[in-house]
Amino acid sequence: MPHSTSDILNKKPHRINSDENRTLFYQPLKSILSRLNSIPNPDPTVLRKCSRCHARSQEQLYKDFYAYALSVTLRFIPSREDAREVVNDVFIKVFTRLKIEIPDNFTGWLRRIVVHTAVDRYRANRTRKELHSDIGEPLPLPVPEEILDQLNAEDILKLLDQLNETPRMVFILYEIEGYHHDEIAGMLQIEATTSRSHLFRAKAFLRNSLLNLTLHERNAG
């Protein structure tokens, strides 16, 4: 029988070590984030025509993948107006590169172009101080897996919007897009150790936020 949030929080707590804490939080979190939207690859014929600058095929590809590209961009660029500009830049790159190569996995290839273009825009608009800015040192707290089961990936992204931009960017690049810290450091022009620090603090912030939301829900009930 499923447990309610109140049942979960009223359970007698037990002492857990750091490894158990990571299991309670990080593995369910990765499972939730893996549910983010994805779409199938386009018809290879459309891509071949795009590689030959066929206007109607380019228009079709743009229409089919615009919403997907915009949704990924908005995770990095909160301003919808700026995000639209980034997406337009993305498709200029897409149509230019299709003249040279037709990727086997178009969706993954497109996503990488979107991520790098969005990060370039973000970095161009940030000062060095902002890139190295930090959030506070929140106290890490364990969050039961049952609480995470009640959330979806977009809920987590909304919580992350409360973070400073650089920790949020690092979290998305590492946990959602699958980049390593050395790669993130190069993309954001920070040290790999700084990237790890941002990720740790973003995760700690998220743990605390999830627990606080659940406590608020229980008190309001």
N, C-alpha and C. Protein backbone atom coordinates (compact mmCIF):
# COMPACT_ATOMS: atom_id res chain seq x y z
N MET A 1 0.85 -1.20 0.00
CA MET A 1 0.00 0.00 0.00
C MET A 1 0.88 1.24 0.00
N PRO A 2 0.64 2.24 -0.88
CA PRO A 2 1.50 3.42 -0.95
C PRO A 2 1.47 4.20 0.35
N HIS A 3 2.57 4.81 0.69
CA HIS A 3 2.66 5.64 1.89
C HIS A 3 2.31 7.07 1.54
N SER A 4 1.61 7.77 2.45
CA SER A 4 1.36 9.20 2.26
C SER A 4 2.59 9.97 2.69
N THR A 5 2.65 11.24 2.30
CA THR A 5 3.78 12.08 2.69
C THR A 5 3.88 12.18 4.21
N SER A 6 2.72 12.30 4.88
CA SER A 6 2.73 12.40 6.34
C SER A 6 3.28 11.13 6.97
N ASP A 7 2.90 9.96 6.43
CA ASP A 7 3.42 8.70 6.96
C ASP A 7 4.93 8.65 6.84
N ILE A 8 5.42 9.13 5.71
CA ILE A 8 6.87 9.10 5.48
C ILE A 8 7.60 9.95 6.50
N LEU A 9 7.09 11.17 6.72
CA LEU A 9 7.79 12.10 7.60
C LEU A 9 7.61 11.75 9.07
N ASN A 10 6.55 11.01 9.41
CA ASN A 10 6.32 10.64 10.80
C ASN A 10 7.07 9.37 11.19
N LYS A 11 7.69 8.71 10.21
CA LYS A 11 8.47 7.52 10.53
C LYS A 11 9.65 7.90 11.41
N LYS A 12 9.98 7.04 12.35
CA LYS A 12 11.10 7.31 13.23
C LYS A 12 12.39 7.37 12.43
N PRO A 13 13.13 8.48 12.51
CA PRO A 13 14.36 8.59 11.72
C PRO A 13 15.43 7.65 12.24
N HIS A 14 16.34 7.27 11.38
CA HIS A 14 17.47 6.47 11.80
C HIS A 14 18.74 7.13 11.29
N ARG A 15 19.83 6.86 11.96
CA ARG A 15 21.10 7.46 11.57
C ARG A 15 21.58 6.82 10.27
N ILE A 16 21.97 7.65 9.32
CA ILE A 16 22.45 7.12 8.05
C ILE A 16 23.83 7.66 7.77
N ASN A 17 24.62 6.88 7.07
CA ASN A 17 25.95 7.36 6.70
C ASN A 17 25.88 8.06 5.36
N SER A 18 27.01 8.62 4.92
CA SER A 18 27.02 9.43 3.70
C SER A 18 26.69 8.60 2.47
N ASP A 19 27.13 7.33 2.43
CA ASP A 19 26.84 6.49 1.28
C ASP A 19 25.35 6.22 1.17
N GLU A 20 24.70 5.96 2.31
CA GLU A 20 23.26 5.71 2.30
C GLU A 20 22.51 6.97 1.90
N ASN A 21 23.00 8.12 2.35
CA ASN A 21 22.37 9.39 2.00
C ASN A 21 22.40 9.59 0.49
N ARG A 22 23.53 9.28 -0.13
CA ARG A 22 23.62 9.42 -1.58
C ARG A 22 22.64 8.49 -2.28
N THR A 23 22.47 7.27 -1.73
CA THR A 23 21.55 6.32 -2.35
C THR A 23 20.12 6.81 -2.23
N LEU A 24 19.77 7.39 -1.07
CA LEU A 24 18.40 7.87 -0.86
C LEU A 24 18.05 9.02 -1.79
N PHE A 25 19.07 9.78 -2.19
CA PHE A 25 18.77 10.99 -2.96
C PHE A 25 19.19 10.90 -4.41
N TYR A 26 20.45 10.59 -4.67
CA TYR A 26 20.98 10.76 -6.01
C TYR A 26 20.41 9.77 -7.02
N GLN A 27 20.26 8.49 -6.65
CA GLN A 27 19.76 7.53 -7.62
C GLN A 27 18.31 7.81 -8.03
N PRO A 28 17.38 8.06 -7.08
CA PRO A 28 16.03 8.44 -7.50
C PRO A 28 16.02 9.72 -8.31
N LEU A 29 16.89 10.67 -7.97
CA LEU A 29 16.95 11.93 -8.70
C LEU A 29 17.32 11.69 -10.15
N LYS A 30 18.33 10.85 -10.38
CA LYS A 30 18.74 10.55 -11.75
C LYS A 30 17.60 9.90 -12.52
N SER A 31 16.84 9.05 -11.83
CA SER A 31 15.71 8.39 -12.48
C SER A 31 14.66 9.41 -12.91
N ILE A 32 14.39 10.38 -12.05
CA ILE A 32 13.41 11.42 -12.37
C ILE A 32 13.88 12.25 -13.55
N LEU A 33 15.14 12.67 -13.52
CA LEU A 33 15.65 13.55 -14.56
C LEU A 33 15.75 12.83 -15.91
N SER A 34 15.87 11.51 -15.87
CA SER A 34 15.95 10.76 -17.12
C SER A 34 14.63 10.78 -17.88
N ARG A 35 13.55 11.23 -17.23
CA ARG A 35 12.24 11.26 -17.88
C ARG A 35 12.01 12.53 -18.70
N LEU A 36 13.01 13.41 -18.77
CA LEU A 36 12.85 14.63 -19.54
C LEU A 36 12.56 14.30 -21.00
N ASN A 37 11.86 15.24 -21.63
CA ASN A 37 11.34 14.97 -22.96
C ASN A 37 12.41 14.64 -23.99
N SER A 38 12.07 13.75 -24.88
CA SER A 38 12.91 13.44 -26.03
C SER A 38 11.98 13.11 -27.19
N ILE A 39 12.48 13.22 -28.39
CA ILE A 39 11.66 12.95 -29.56
C ILE A 39 12.45 12.09 -30.53
N PRO A 40 11.76 11.37 -31.41
CA PRO A 40 12.46 10.49 -32.35
C PRO A 40 13.20 11.27 -33.42
N ASN A 41 14.10 10.59 -34.08
CA ASN A 41 14.85 11.20 -35.17
C ASN A 41 13.94 11.44 -36.38
N PRO A 42 14.25 12.42 -37.21
CA PRO A 42 13.43 12.70 -38.39
C PRO A 42 13.66 11.67 -39.49
N ASP A 43 12.83 11.75 -40.50
CA ASP A 43 12.97 10.90 -41.68
C ASP A 43 14.32 11.20 -42.34
N PRO A 44 15.14 10.18 -42.59
CA PRO A 44 16.44 10.41 -43.24
C PRO A 44 16.32 11.15 -44.58
N THR A 45 15.20 10.95 -45.27
CA THR A 45 15.00 11.64 -46.54
C THR A 45 14.95 13.15 -46.34
N VAL A 46 14.31 13.58 -45.26
CA VAL A 46 14.23 15.01 -44.96
C VAL A 46 15.63 15.57 -44.71
N LEU A 47 16.45 14.82 -43.97
CA LEU A 47 17.80 15.28 -43.69
C LEU A 47 18.64 15.36 -44.97
N ARG A 48 18.49 14.38 -45.83
CA ARG A 48 19.25 14.41 -47.09
C ARG A 48 18.86 15.63 -47.93
N LYS A 49 17.57 15.93 -47.96
CA LYS A 49 17.12 17.10 -48.72
C LYS A 49 17.61 18.39 -48.07
N CYS A 50 17.62 18.42 -46.73
CA CYS A 50 18.14 19.60 -46.03
C CYS A 50 19.62 19.81 -46.35
N SER A 51 20.35 18.71 -46.49
CA SER A 51 21.78 18.82 -46.79
C SER A 51 22.01 19.42 -48.17
N ARG A 52 20.96 19.37 -49.02
CA ARG A 52 21.04 19.97 -50.36
C ARG A 52 20.30 21.31 -50.41
N CYS A 53 20.02 21.86 -49.21
CA CYS A 53 19.38 23.18 -49.07
C CYS A 53 17.98 23.22 -49.67
N HIS A 54 17.26 22.12 -49.56
CA HIS A 54 15.87 22.07 -50.03
C HIS A 54 15.01 22.86 -49.04
N ALA A 55 14.45 23.98 -49.50
CA ALA A 55 13.79 24.94 -48.61
C ALA A 55 12.61 24.33 -47.85
N ARG A 56 11.76 23.57 -48.52
CA ARG A 56 10.59 23.01 -47.86
C ARG A 56 10.98 21.98 -46.80
N SER A 57 12.02 21.22 -47.06
CA SER A 57 12.50 20.25 -46.08
C SER A 57 13.11 20.95 -44.87
N GLN A 58 13.83 22.04 -45.12
CA GLN A 58 14.38 22.82 -44.01
C GLN A 58 13.26 23.40 -43.15
N GLU A 59 12.21 23.88 -43.81
CA GLU A 59 11.07 24.43 -43.07
C GLU A 59 10.40 23.34 -42.24
N GLN A 60 10.27 22.14 -42.81
CA GLN A 60 9.65 21.03 -42.09
C GLN A 60 10.47 20.63 -40.87
N LEU A 61 11.79 20.55 -41.05
CA LEU A 61 12.67 20.18 -39.95
C LEU A 61 12.59 21.23 -38.84
N TYR A 62 12.57 22.49 -39.23
CA TYR A 62 12.48 23.59 -38.26
C TYR A 62 11.19 23.48 -37.45
N LYS A 63 10.07 23.25 -38.13
CA LYS A 63 8.78 23.15 -37.44
C LYS A 63 8.74 21.93 -36.51
N ASP A 64 9.29 20.82 -36.98
CA ASP A 64 9.23 19.58 -36.20
C ASP A 64 10.09 19.64 -34.94
N PHE A 65 11.19 20.38 -34.98
CA PHE A 65 12.14 20.35 -33.86
C PHE A 65 12.27 21.68 -33.12
N TYR A 66 11.50 22.67 -33.53
CA TYR A 66 11.59 23.98 -32.87
C TYR A 66 11.22 23.88 -31.39
N ALA A 67 10.08 23.26 -31.08
CA ALA A 67 9.62 23.18 -29.69
C ALA A 67 10.61 22.41 -28.83
N TYR A 68 11.17 21.35 -29.38
CA TYR A 68 12.16 20.56 -28.64
C TYR A 68 13.40 21.40 -28.34
N ALA A 69 13.91 22.09 -29.36
CA ALA A 69 15.10 22.92 -29.17
C ALA A 69 14.83 24.04 -28.17
N LEU A 70 13.64 24.62 -28.23
CA LEU A 70 13.29 25.70 -27.31
C LEU A 70 13.20 25.19 -25.87
N SER A 71 12.62 24.01 -25.68
CA SER A 71 12.48 23.47 -24.32
C SER A 71 13.84 23.22 -23.68
N VAL A 72 14.80 22.73 -24.47
CA VAL A 72 16.15 22.51 -23.94
C VAL A 72 16.82 23.85 -23.66
N THR A 73 16.66 24.81 -24.56
CA THR A 73 17.29 26.12 -24.39
C THR A 73 16.79 26.82 -23.14
N LEU A 74 15.49 26.71 -22.86
CA LEU A 74 14.91 27.41 -21.71
C LEU A 74 15.45 26.91 -20.38
N ARG A 75 16.04 25.73 -20.36
CA ARG A 75 16.67 25.25 -19.13
C ARG A 75 17.93 26.04 -18.82
N PHE A 76 18.51 26.64 -19.84
CA PHE A 76 19.73 27.43 -19.66
C PHE A 76 19.46 28.93 -19.73
N ILE A 77 18.53 29.33 -20.58
CA ILE A 77 18.23 30.74 -20.81
C ILE A 77 16.78 30.99 -20.41
N PRO A 78 16.52 31.48 -19.19
CA PRO A 78 15.13 31.62 -18.72
C PRO A 78 14.28 32.58 -19.54
N SER A 79 14.90 33.60 -20.13
CA SER A 79 14.15 34.57 -20.93
C SER A 79 13.70 33.92 -22.23
N ARG A 80 12.38 33.87 -22.44
CA ARG A 80 11.86 33.23 -23.65
C ARG A 80 12.30 33.97 -24.91
N GLU A 81 12.38 35.29 -24.84
CA GLU A 81 12.81 36.06 -26.00
C GLU A 81 14.26 35.73 -26.37
N ASP A 82 15.13 35.69 -25.36
CA ASP A 82 16.53 35.33 -25.61
C ASP A 82 16.64 33.89 -26.08
N ALA A 83 15.81 33.02 -25.50
CA ALA A 83 15.86 31.61 -25.89
C ALA A 83 15.47 31.43 -27.35
N ARG A 84 14.50 32.19 -27.82
CA ARG A 84 14.10 32.11 -29.23
C ARG A 84 15.25 32.53 -30.14
N GLU A 85 15.99 33.55 -29.73
CA GLU A 85 17.14 33.97 -30.53
C GLU A 85 18.19 32.87 -30.59
N VAL A 86 18.39 32.20 -29.45
CA VAL A 86 19.35 31.10 -29.41
C VAL A 86 18.91 29.97 -30.35
N VAL A 87 17.62 29.65 -30.33
CA VAL A 87 17.11 28.57 -31.19
C VAL A 87 17.30 28.92 -32.66
N ASN A 88 17.07 30.16 -33.02
CA ASN A 88 17.29 30.57 -34.41
C ASN A 88 18.76 30.41 -34.79
N ASP A 89 19.65 30.78 -33.86
CA ASP A 89 21.09 30.58 -34.11
C ASP A 89 21.40 29.09 -34.28
N VAL A 90 20.73 28.27 -33.47
CA VAL A 90 20.94 26.83 -33.53
C VAL A 90 20.60 26.29 -34.91
N PHE A 91 19.47 26.70 -35.45
CA PHE A 91 19.06 26.14 -36.75
C PHE A 91 19.92 26.66 -37.90
N ILE A 92 20.47 27.85 -37.75
CA ILE A 92 21.44 28.31 -38.75
C ILE A 92 22.64 27.37 -38.75
N LYS A 93 23.11 27.00 -37.55
CA LYS A 93 24.24 26.06 -37.45
C LYS A 93 23.85 24.69 -37.99
N VAL A 94 22.64 24.25 -37.66
CA VAL A 94 22.17 22.93 -38.10
C VAL A 94 22.19 22.84 -39.63
N PHE A 95 21.59 23.82 -40.29
CA PHE A 95 21.50 23.75 -41.75
C PHE A 95 22.87 23.91 -42.41
N THR A 96 23.75 24.67 -41.77
CA THR A 96 25.11 24.81 -42.30
C THR A 96 25.87 23.50 -42.18
N ARG A 97 25.76 22.86 -41.02
CA ARG A 97 26.53 21.63 -40.78
C ARG A 97 25.96 20.44 -41.54
N LEU A 98 24.66 20.46 -41.82
CA LEU A 98 24.07 19.36 -42.58
C LEU A 98 24.63 19.30 -44.00
N LYS A 99 25.16 20.40 -44.49
CA LYS A 99 25.79 20.40 -45.81
C LYS A 99 27.07 19.56 -45.80
N ILE A 100 27.65 19.42 -44.59
CA ILE A 100 28.92 18.71 -44.45
C ILE A 100 28.71 17.26 -44.02
N GLU A 101 27.79 17.06 -43.07
CA GLU A 101 27.54 15.71 -42.57
C GLU A 101 26.08 15.54 -42.17
N ILE A 102 25.59 14.32 -42.31
CA ILE A 102 24.25 13.96 -41.84
C ILE A 102 24.45 13.00 -40.67
N PRO A 103 24.16 13.43 -39.45
CA PRO A 103 24.42 12.58 -38.28
C PRO A 103 23.50 11.37 -38.22
N ASP A 104 24.01 10.28 -37.66
CA ASP A 104 23.19 9.08 -37.48
C ASP A 104 22.09 9.31 -36.45
N ASN A 105 22.44 10.02 -35.38
CA ASN A 105 21.46 10.33 -34.33
C ASN A 105 21.21 11.84 -34.35
N PHE A 106 20.27 12.26 -35.16
CA PHE A 106 20.04 13.70 -35.34
C PHE A 106 19.62 14.37 -34.04
N THR A 107 18.72 13.73 -33.28
CA THR A 107 18.21 14.37 -32.06
C THR A 107 19.33 14.63 -31.06
N GLY A 108 20.21 13.65 -30.85
CA GLY A 108 21.33 13.85 -29.94
C GLY A 108 22.30 14.89 -30.46
N TRP A 109 22.53 14.88 -31.76
CA TRP A 109 23.40 15.86 -32.41
C TRP A 109 22.83 17.27 -32.26
N LEU A 110 21.53 17.41 -32.50
CA LEU A 110 20.86 18.70 -32.34
C LEU A 110 20.94 19.17 -30.90
N ARG A 111 20.71 18.27 -29.96
CA ARG A 111 20.74 18.64 -28.55
C ARG A 111 22.10 19.19 -28.14
N ARG A 112 23.17 18.58 -28.64
CA ARG A 112 24.51 19.07 -28.32
C ARG A 112 24.72 20.48 -28.87
N ILE A 113 24.23 20.72 -30.08
CA ILE A 113 24.35 22.07 -30.65
C ILE A 113 23.56 23.07 -29.82
N VAL A 114 22.36 22.67 -29.40
CA VAL A 114 21.53 23.55 -28.56
C VAL A 114 22.25 23.89 -27.26
N VAL A 115 22.77 22.87 -26.59
CA VAL A 115 23.43 23.08 -25.30
C VAL A 115 24.62 24.01 -25.44
N HIS A 116 25.48 23.75 -26.42
CA HIS A 116 26.68 24.58 -26.58
C HIS A 116 26.32 26.01 -26.99
N THR A 117 25.32 26.16 -27.82
CA THR A 117 24.91 27.51 -28.23
C THR A 117 24.31 28.27 -27.06
N ALA A 118 23.50 27.59 -26.25
CA ALA A 118 22.90 28.23 -25.07
C ALA A 118 23.96 28.61 -24.05
N VAL A 119 24.92 27.72 -23.83
CA VAL A 119 26.00 28.01 -22.88
C VAL A 119 26.85 29.18 -23.37
N ASP A 120 27.12 29.22 -24.67
CA ASP A 120 27.88 30.35 -25.22
C ASP A 120 27.16 31.66 -24.98
N ARG A 121 25.84 31.67 -25.17
CA ARG A 121 25.06 32.89 -24.93
C ARG A 121 25.09 33.26 -23.45
N TYR A 122 24.91 32.27 -22.60
CA TYR A 122 24.95 32.51 -21.15
C TYR A 122 26.30 33.10 -20.74
N ARG A 123 27.38 32.48 -21.23
CA ARG A 123 28.72 32.92 -20.84
C ARG A 123 29.01 34.33 -21.34
N ALA A 124 28.53 34.65 -22.52
CA ALA A 124 28.76 35.98 -23.09
C ALA A 124 28.07 37.07 -22.29
N ASN A 125 26.99 36.69 -21.60
CA ASN A 125 26.20 37.67 -20.85
C ASN A 125 26.58 37.75 -19.38
N ARG A 126 27.53 36.90 -18.94
CA ARG A 126 27.90 36.89 -17.53
C ARG A 126 29.27 37.49 -17.33
N THR A 127 29.47 38.13 -16.19
CA THR A 127 30.78 38.64 -15.84
C THR A 127 31.58 37.52 -15.18
N ARG A 128 32.88 37.71 -15.08
CA ARG A 128 33.72 36.70 -14.43
C ARG A 128 33.29 36.49 -12.99
N LYS A 129 32.92 37.57 -12.31
CA LYS A 129 32.50 37.47 -10.91
C LYS A 129 31.27 36.58 -10.80
N GLU A 130 30.32 36.73 -11.72
CA GLU A 130 29.10 35.94 -11.67
C GLU A 130 29.38 34.48 -11.96
N LEU A 131 30.33 34.21 -12.88
CA LEU A 131 30.68 32.83 -13.18
C LEU A 131 31.25 32.11 -11.96
N HIS A 132 31.95 32.86 -11.12
CA HIS A 132 32.58 32.25 -9.95
C HIS A 132 31.78 32.50 -8.68
N SER A 133 30.60 33.11 -8.81
CA SER A 133 29.78 33.35 -7.63
C SER A 133 29.32 32.03 -7.05
N ASP A 134 29.01 32.05 -5.78
CA ASP A 134 28.65 30.81 -5.11
C ASP A 134 27.36 31.00 -4.34
N ILE A 135 26.72 29.90 -4.01
CA ILE A 135 25.56 29.96 -3.13
C ILE A 135 26.02 29.60 -1.74
N GLY A 136 25.15 29.72 -0.78
CA GLY A 136 25.52 29.44 0.60
C GLY A 136 25.84 27.98 0.81
N GLU A 137 26.13 27.64 2.04
CA GLU A 137 26.48 26.27 2.40
C GLU A 137 25.28 25.62 3.08
N PRO A 138 24.28 25.17 2.31
CA PRO A 138 23.12 24.55 2.94
C PRO A 138 23.50 23.24 3.60
N LEU A 139 22.84 22.92 4.68
CA LEU A 139 23.11 21.67 5.38
C LEU A 139 22.47 20.52 4.63
N PRO A 140 23.25 19.54 4.16
CA PRO A 140 22.65 18.41 3.45
C PRO A 140 21.74 17.60 4.36
N LEU A 141 20.56 17.27 3.88
CA LEU A 141 19.61 16.47 4.63
C LEU A 141 19.14 15.30 3.75
N PRO A 142 18.93 14.12 4.34
CA PRO A 142 18.43 13.00 3.55
C PRO A 142 16.96 13.20 3.19
N VAL A 143 16.61 12.85 1.97
CA VAL A 143 15.23 12.93 1.53
C VAL A 143 14.76 11.53 1.17
N PRO A 144 13.72 11.00 1.82
CA PRO A 144 13.26 9.65 1.51
C PRO A 144 12.86 9.51 0.04
N GLU A 145 13.09 8.33 -0.50
CA GLU A 145 12.82 8.08 -1.91
C GLU A 145 11.36 8.30 -2.25
N GLU A 146 10.46 8.00 -1.30
CA GLU A 146 9.03 8.14 -1.57
C GLU A 146 8.64 9.58 -1.89
N ILE A 147 9.36 10.55 -1.29
CA ILE A 147 9.08 11.95 -1.56
C ILE A 147 9.46 12.28 -3.00
N LEU A 148 10.61 11.79 -3.43
CA LEU A 148 11.05 12.05 -4.80
C LEU A 148 10.11 11.43 -5.82
N ASP A 149 9.48 10.32 -5.45
CA ASP A 149 8.56 9.65 -6.37
C ASP A 149 7.35 10.52 -6.71
N GLN A 150 7.06 11.52 -5.87
CA GLN A 150 5.91 12.38 -6.10
C GLN A 150 6.24 13.53 -7.05
N LEU A 151 7.50 13.65 -7.45
CA LEU A 151 7.92 14.77 -8.27
C LEU A 151 8.20 14.33 -9.70
N ASN A 152 8.24 15.30 -10.61
CA ASN A 152 8.72 15.02 -11.95
C ASN A 152 9.90 15.94 -12.24
N ALA A 153 10.52 15.76 -13.39
CA ALA A 153 11.73 16.51 -13.70
C ALA A 153 11.48 18.02 -13.73
N GLU A 154 10.32 18.42 -14.23
CA GLU A 154 10.05 19.86 -14.31
C GLU A 154 9.90 20.47 -12.93
N ASP A 155 9.38 19.71 -11.94
CA ASP A 155 9.32 20.20 -10.57
C ASP A 155 10.72 20.53 -10.06
N ILE A 156 11.65 19.64 -10.35
CA ILE A 156 13.03 19.83 -9.90
C ILE A 156 13.65 21.05 -10.59
N LEU A 157 13.39 21.21 -11.88
CA LEU A 157 13.94 22.36 -12.59
C LEU A 157 13.39 23.67 -12.04
N LYS A 158 12.13 23.67 -11.62
CA LYS A 158 11.55 24.89 -11.03
C LYS A 158 12.25 25.24 -9.72
N LEU A 159 12.56 24.22 -8.92
CA LEU A 159 13.30 24.47 -7.69
C LEU A 159 14.69 25.03 -7.99
N LEU A 160 15.31 24.50 -9.03
CA LEU A 160 16.65 24.95 -9.38
C LEU A 160 16.67 26.39 -9.86
N ASP A 161 15.53 26.90 -10.31
CA ASP A 161 15.46 28.29 -10.74
C ASP A 161 15.76 29.25 -9.59
N GLN A 162 15.67 28.77 -8.35
CA GLN A 162 15.95 29.61 -7.19
C GLN A 162 17.45 29.75 -6.94
N LEU A 163 18.24 28.94 -7.61
CA LEU A 163 19.70 29.00 -7.44
C LEU A 163 20.30 30.13 -8.25
N ASN A 164 21.52 30.54 -7.87
CA ASN A 164 22.30 31.39 -8.75
C ASN A 164 22.53 30.66 -10.07
N GLU A 165 22.78 31.41 -11.12
CA GLU A 165 22.79 30.82 -12.45
C GLU A 165 23.89 29.78 -12.65
N THR A 166 25.09 30.05 -12.14
CA THR A 166 26.18 29.12 -12.40
C THR A 166 25.97 27.76 -11.75
N PRO A 167 25.57 27.68 -10.47
CA PRO A 167 25.27 26.35 -9.91
C PRO A 167 24.16 25.64 -10.67
N ARG A 168 23.16 26.39 -11.11
CA ARG A 168 22.07 25.77 -11.87
C ARG A 168 22.58 25.23 -13.21
N MET A 169 23.43 26.02 -13.87
CA MET A 169 23.99 25.57 -15.15
C MET A 169 24.82 24.30 -14.96
N VAL A 170 25.65 24.28 -13.92
CA VAL A 170 26.49 23.12 -13.67
C VAL A 170 25.62 21.89 -13.40
N PHE A 171 24.59 22.05 -12.60
CA PHE A 171 23.70 20.93 -12.28
C PHE A 171 23.07 20.37 -13.56
N ILE A 172 22.54 21.25 -14.40
CA ILE A 172 21.88 20.80 -15.63
C ILE A 172 22.87 20.12 -16.56
N LEU A 173 24.04 20.72 -16.72
CA LEU A 173 25.04 20.14 -17.62
C LEU A 173 25.51 18.77 -17.14
N TYR A 174 25.67 18.63 -15.82
CA TYR A 174 26.19 17.38 -15.27
C TYR A 174 25.11 16.31 -15.14
N GLU A 175 24.00 16.66 -14.50
CA GLU A 175 22.98 15.67 -14.17
C GLU A 175 22.02 15.37 -15.31
N ILE A 176 21.74 16.36 -16.15
CA ILE A 176 20.75 16.16 -17.21
C ILE A 176 21.43 15.89 -18.56
N GLU A 177 22.45 16.69 -18.87
CA GLU A 177 23.09 16.56 -20.18
C GLU A 177 24.24 15.57 -20.20
N GLY A 178 24.75 15.19 -19.02
CA GLY A 178 25.75 14.13 -18.96
C GLY A 178 27.19 14.55 -19.21
N TYR A 179 27.49 15.85 -19.07
CA TYR A 179 28.86 16.31 -19.26
C TYR A 179 29.68 16.07 -17.99
N HIS A 180 30.99 15.86 -18.16
CA HIS A 180 31.90 15.70 -17.03
C HIS A 180 32.39 17.06 -16.56
N HIS A 181 32.96 17.09 -15.36
CA HIS A 181 33.38 18.37 -14.78
C HIS A 181 34.46 19.06 -15.62
N ASP A 182 35.37 18.29 -16.20
CA ASP A 182 36.39 18.91 -17.05
C ASP A 182 35.75 19.59 -18.26
N GLU A 183 34.73 18.95 -18.83
CA GLU A 183 34.03 19.53 -19.98
C GLU A 183 33.26 20.78 -19.56
N ILE A 184 32.59 20.70 -18.42
CA ILE A 184 31.82 21.85 -17.92
C ILE A 184 32.75 23.02 -17.63
N ALA A 185 33.91 22.71 -17.06
CA ALA A 185 34.88 23.76 -16.75
C ALA A 185 35.29 24.50 -18.03
N GLY A 186 35.51 23.74 -19.10
CA GLY A 186 35.88 24.37 -20.36
C GLY A 186 34.75 25.19 -20.94
N MET A 187 33.53 24.69 -20.83
CA MET A 187 32.38 25.39 -21.38
C MET A 187 32.09 26.69 -20.64
N LEU A 188 32.21 26.66 -19.31
CA LEU A 188 31.88 27.84 -18.50
C LEU A 188 33.10 28.68 -18.15
N GLN A 189 34.29 28.20 -18.55
CA GLN A 189 35.55 28.89 -18.26
C GLN A 189 35.75 29.07 -16.76
N ILE A 190 35.59 27.95 -16.04
CA ILE A 190 35.87 27.91 -14.62
C ILE A 190 36.76 26.69 -14.36
N GLU A 191 37.23 26.53 -13.13
CA GLU A 191 38.02 25.36 -12.78
C GLU A 191 37.11 24.15 -12.56
N ALA A 192 37.65 22.96 -12.80
CA ALA A 192 36.87 21.75 -12.57
C ALA A 192 36.48 21.62 -11.10
N THR A 193 37.36 22.05 -10.20
CA THR A 193 37.03 22.00 -8.77
C THR A 193 35.88 22.95 -8.45
N THR A 194 35.82 24.08 -9.14
CA THR A 194 34.71 25.01 -8.95
C THR A 194 33.41 24.40 -9.43
N SER A 195 33.48 23.68 -10.55
CA SER A 195 32.30 22.99 -11.07
C SER A 195 31.79 21.97 -10.05
N ARG A 196 32.70 21.19 -9.47
CA ARG A 196 32.29 20.20 -8.47
C ARG A 196 31.66 20.86 -7.26
N SER A 197 32.22 22.00 -6.86
CA SER A 197 31.68 22.72 -5.71
C SER A 197 30.26 23.21 -5.99
N HIS A 198 30.06 23.76 -7.19
CA HIS A 198 28.72 24.23 -7.56
C HIS A 198 27.73 23.07 -7.58
N LEU A 199 28.16 21.92 -8.08
CA LEU A 199 27.25 20.77 -8.16
C LEU A 199 26.88 20.28 -6.76
N PHE A 200 27.86 20.19 -5.88
CA PHE A 200 27.58 19.73 -4.52
C PHE A 200 26.58 20.65 -3.84
N ARG A 201 26.79 21.94 -3.96
CA ARG A 201 25.91 22.89 -3.29
C ARG A 201 24.52 22.92 -3.93
N ALA A 202 24.47 22.74 -5.25
CA ALA A 202 23.16 22.69 -5.91
C ALA A 202 22.36 21.48 -5.43
N LYS A 203 23.03 20.34 -5.28
CA LYS A 203 22.34 19.14 -4.81
C LYS A 203 21.91 19.29 -3.35
N ALA A 204 22.76 19.90 -2.54
CA ALA A 204 22.39 20.11 -1.14
C ALA A 204 21.21 21.05 -1.03
N PHE A 205 21.22 22.10 -1.85
CA PHE A 205 20.10 23.04 -1.88
C PHE A 205 18.82 22.33 -2.29
N LEU A 206 18.92 21.47 -3.28
CA LEU A 206 17.75 20.76 -3.78
C LEU A 206 17.21 19.81 -2.71
N ARG A 207 18.08 19.11 -2.02
CA ARG A 207 17.64 18.22 -0.94
C ARG A 207 16.86 19.00 0.10
N ASN A 208 17.43 20.10 0.54
CA ASN A 208 16.77 20.90 1.58
C ASN A 208 15.44 21.46 1.08
N SER A 209 15.41 21.90 -0.17
CA SER A 209 14.19 22.47 -0.72
C SER A 209 13.08 21.43 -0.80
N LEU A 210 13.43 20.22 -1.23
CA LEU A 210 12.44 19.15 -1.31
C LEU A 210 11.88 18.81 0.06
N LEU A 211 12.76 18.74 1.05
CA LEU A 211 12.30 18.41 2.39
C LEU A 211 11.44 19.53 2.97
N ASN A 212 11.84 20.78 2.74
CA ASN A 212 11.07 21.91 3.24
C ASN A 212 9.69 21.97 2.60
N LEU A 213 9.62 21.68 1.30
CA LEU A 213 8.32 21.68 0.62
C LEU A 213 7.40 20.62 1.21
N THR A 214 7.97 19.47 1.51
CA THR A 214 7.17 18.38 2.04
C THR A 214 6.71 18.68 3.46
N LEU A 215 7.57 19.29 4.26
CA LEU A 215 7.19 19.69 5.61
C LEU A 215 6.08 20.73 5.57
N HIS A 216 6.18 21.66 4.62
CA HIS A 216 5.15 22.68 4.47
C HIS A 216 3.82 22.04 4.09
N GLU A 217 3.88 21.04 3.21
CA GLU A 217 2.67 20.33 2.79
C GLU A 217 2.02 19.62 3.97
N ARG A 218 2.85 19.01 4.83
CA ARG A 218 2.30 18.31 5.99
C ARG A 218 1.66 19.29 6.96
N ASN A 219 2.32 20.43 7.21
CA ASN A 219 1.79 21.41 8.16
C ASN A 219 0.51 22.06 7.65
N ALA A 220 0.40 22.17 6.31
CA ALA A 220 -0.79 22.80 5.73
C ALA A 220 -1.97 21.83 5.68
N GLY A 221 -1.67 20.52 5.80
CA GLY A 221 -2.71 19.51 5.67
C GLY A 221 -3.58 19.36 6.91
